Every structure is written in structure tokens, then in C-alpha cells.
Amino acid sequence: MTSHAVDPARRALLGASASAVALTGLGPWRRAFAQETRPLPGYAAWKDAGAMIVHSPNTIELRRSAMGDGVITPVTQLYVRNNLTPPSADILTNGDAWKVQFDGVQNPRAFTLAELKKMPTETVTMVLQCSGNGRGMFPSKPAGTPWQVGAAGCVMWTGIPVRDLVRLLGGTDATAKFLTGTGGEVLPAGVDRKSRVERSVPLSAMNDALVAWELNGQPIPLAHGGPVRLIVPGFTGVNSVKYIKRIAFTSEESDSSIQQTDYRMSAPDAKGMSPSEPSVWEMPPKSWINSPLPESGALRAGSAVIKGVAFGGTNAVKQVEVSTDGGATWKVASLVGPDLGRFAWREFVANVDLSSGTHRLASRVTDVKGRTQPEERVENKAGYLNTSWRDHSVSVTVA
């Protein structure tokens, strides 16, 4: 992460990314969403309606064909996923009074947002991705939102590093093994406390985590966790707890349902999820193609340009390859655009020659640790962490 203020160059980058987005339809999933007429919910009514798919008031996806050619995803096109109904927008009226409690440190205390803003800040650019992004590609049709690729974006967060706050508070307790964040959603009357949004991640995640109050250079809106959000780069979105009100360093994982029995990589035939199964934490390497897509219509035979995005989760991208024959052969693509750090995605392009007929276009990424995006998905009950390059491939027709 690098420290810098919100300067004109940065705002220009955000503006350029926003203006680069083109809206051309949904394509291979057009039939699935042809009857989709749900309006944007009030707390996200400011988003680009033509670019979004509203699955439900708490699940809103960016269309694949609307991702455009920019590293930074405009906030108006960033997906939305909430596990509980967001708090009242009133919490933003006096956001500086919002408090974040720190426990499991030598000197526990609470900070107001106003106090946090007076401390040195850092900005991190990272991929924010729902754990279930790509669930809609599972033939088993797991329960949950049938996301394609649009439950992901690459955005900038600004705030104070958690490690700096821990240092200020005298360090963590000797028994600490996890960083546990608790959200500020209000549980409905009669709902068990274990339904609260509270996630635990390994203590090592503290080194990169932020307590953030800006998203792409602006105050975080309610839809994305404002006024203050815990950000855990390289981990799936559920671990970056919204409306953060408490950060604790604990010896055990949270006993919340969202930690113990949700977001687990359980076997497809499991009767339920178990805390003995792997938790959905770090994101594996992943890439996909955004152009050309089937809805672009038939292409002309000859030279064509393949474009897409790739990321390595907790590691930087080393290489992206593309295939025009469904993975039989591969060609190294070029990484283009700015490199905004190991947690951000990279744009890639490849010039290819396409003969008349049907071509299956695919991409696969390798990170700097040598991990390569796999051909097949990891089958699991909830449809989490689909990184299959075959699932994410697209078929185009060349005239």
C-alpha cells in the first residue's frame, strides 16, 4: 500500500475509468435476465441502472458487457452484496461521530471517525469480489444469487492501517490468533445474536487491513459500508465488514453463523456447512474476458483484440494467457494500463487471428507465486470461489 492524498491525477484516473465504460447488453445470459425489471433499491438508486442487474434489494451485479476498459470500477457500477438490511442512512448524517471499538489489545478503546481522520492514511487499490462470484456457472445450481462475473470490481480505499492502530494501542494480546470485525447492522427483533455480521480472519491479515472511510476518493456510501468499513485486501468481500463498529483480536473465530456455518467450502452433498470445513478467506488467481463477447455479434475473419482482467488474490499477477480454441493452445497476452499494486487487477490484451467459424475464447492467469488459474471449478455446496477458466470462457462466431 502507498500513502498519498486525493490529488487531481488520481481523480483524473477515476474519471477516465468511468468514461471508458460502454453499455452493450448482457449477451449469453440475456435470456436468463430478459424479464429482469426490478428497480434499484433506494439506498443504491444512484447507481447506473443500465449497467446493473438487480437480483434482489441486497444483491446487485454489474453486467459483464458494461465492465469497459479501465482499471478502476466506478462506484456507480460497483456490485452490491449485503448479508443483512443496511442500517438507516441517518448514520451518515453525522458520520464523524461513528465509533469503532478496539479490543484484544493492551489498551482497549474506541475511536470516533473524526479522530481516525486526523491520523496518517494509506490508500490501497484492490479487487473487491463476492465469495459467490461465478456461482451462476455451476451446473449444480447452488442456492444463492446466480452471479456471473459482475460481483467484482477494482476500487481504491483510503483509511488508516489496522497495524498502525494496533501499535498505538500497545499491541495485540498474546493469545490473539484472529482479527474479528463486527458490523453495525441492526438485527431484527427476535433474531438470534449469532445472525450478526461478524467475521474472523487470520491475524496475519492485519498487516494489510485498513479501517477505511473513502471509496474512490469519496466518502463511502451506505451501500458499500459507510461511514466506516474494515478492508481486508486479497480476501473475499464478506471479510471486509461493513459499518464496522468493533475490531477485536481474538483467540477463537467468531461464533456468528456467518463465520461458523456459512462461507465454508463444504462438499456438494453435505447436509449443511460445518466449521470443520475450510473458511472462504483468500481469493485464488482468476481472470476473464470482457471483449469480444457473444452479444457483440459475428466478428469479421482476421485480426481481433481480446481484452479482459486478471488478479492474483493476495499476490501480484505474473502472466496472462489466452486461447482461441477452448484451451487446446495458449498465447501470452500483454498486461496493459497502470499497475496499482498486488491486490488490484491487471488489464490484459492479446491480438489474435480468427478464421471463420465458432471460437471458444478463454484466459488464465498465473501469479508471482506460480499459482495458475485452474481449468475446472472446485465443486462445493454453496458455489463459492469459482475460478474455472473453462466456466469463464466465451463462444464467439466469426463470419
Foldseek 3Di string as FASTA:
>chain_A
DAFDACDPVLLVQLVVQVVQWDQQDQAPCCVVCVVQDDAADPLLNQADRSQWGDPDNQWIFGRLLGNGDHQFDHPSRAIGHDLDDFDDQVCVVPQQQAWEWEAQAQATDIHGNVRQVVDGKHKAKFKAAAQQACLLLDPVNFPDDNHHHGNIGIWMFMTHQLVVVRVVRHHGHPLFFWKKWFADDDDPPPDDPLQGLMWIDGPVLSVPKGFTQDISNHGDGRSQAPRTWIDRFQWYNSRTHGNTHYIYGDNDIDSRCCHAFNQFQAAQPDPGRGNVGDHRTGAAKAKAWSPPAASVAAAAFFKDKIKIKIAGRQFAWDWKWKDFALPPDIDTWDFDDDDRDRRTITMTMDIDGGHAFKTKMWMKTAGPVGDIQAQAASHGNRNGNGRHRNSRIHMHGYD
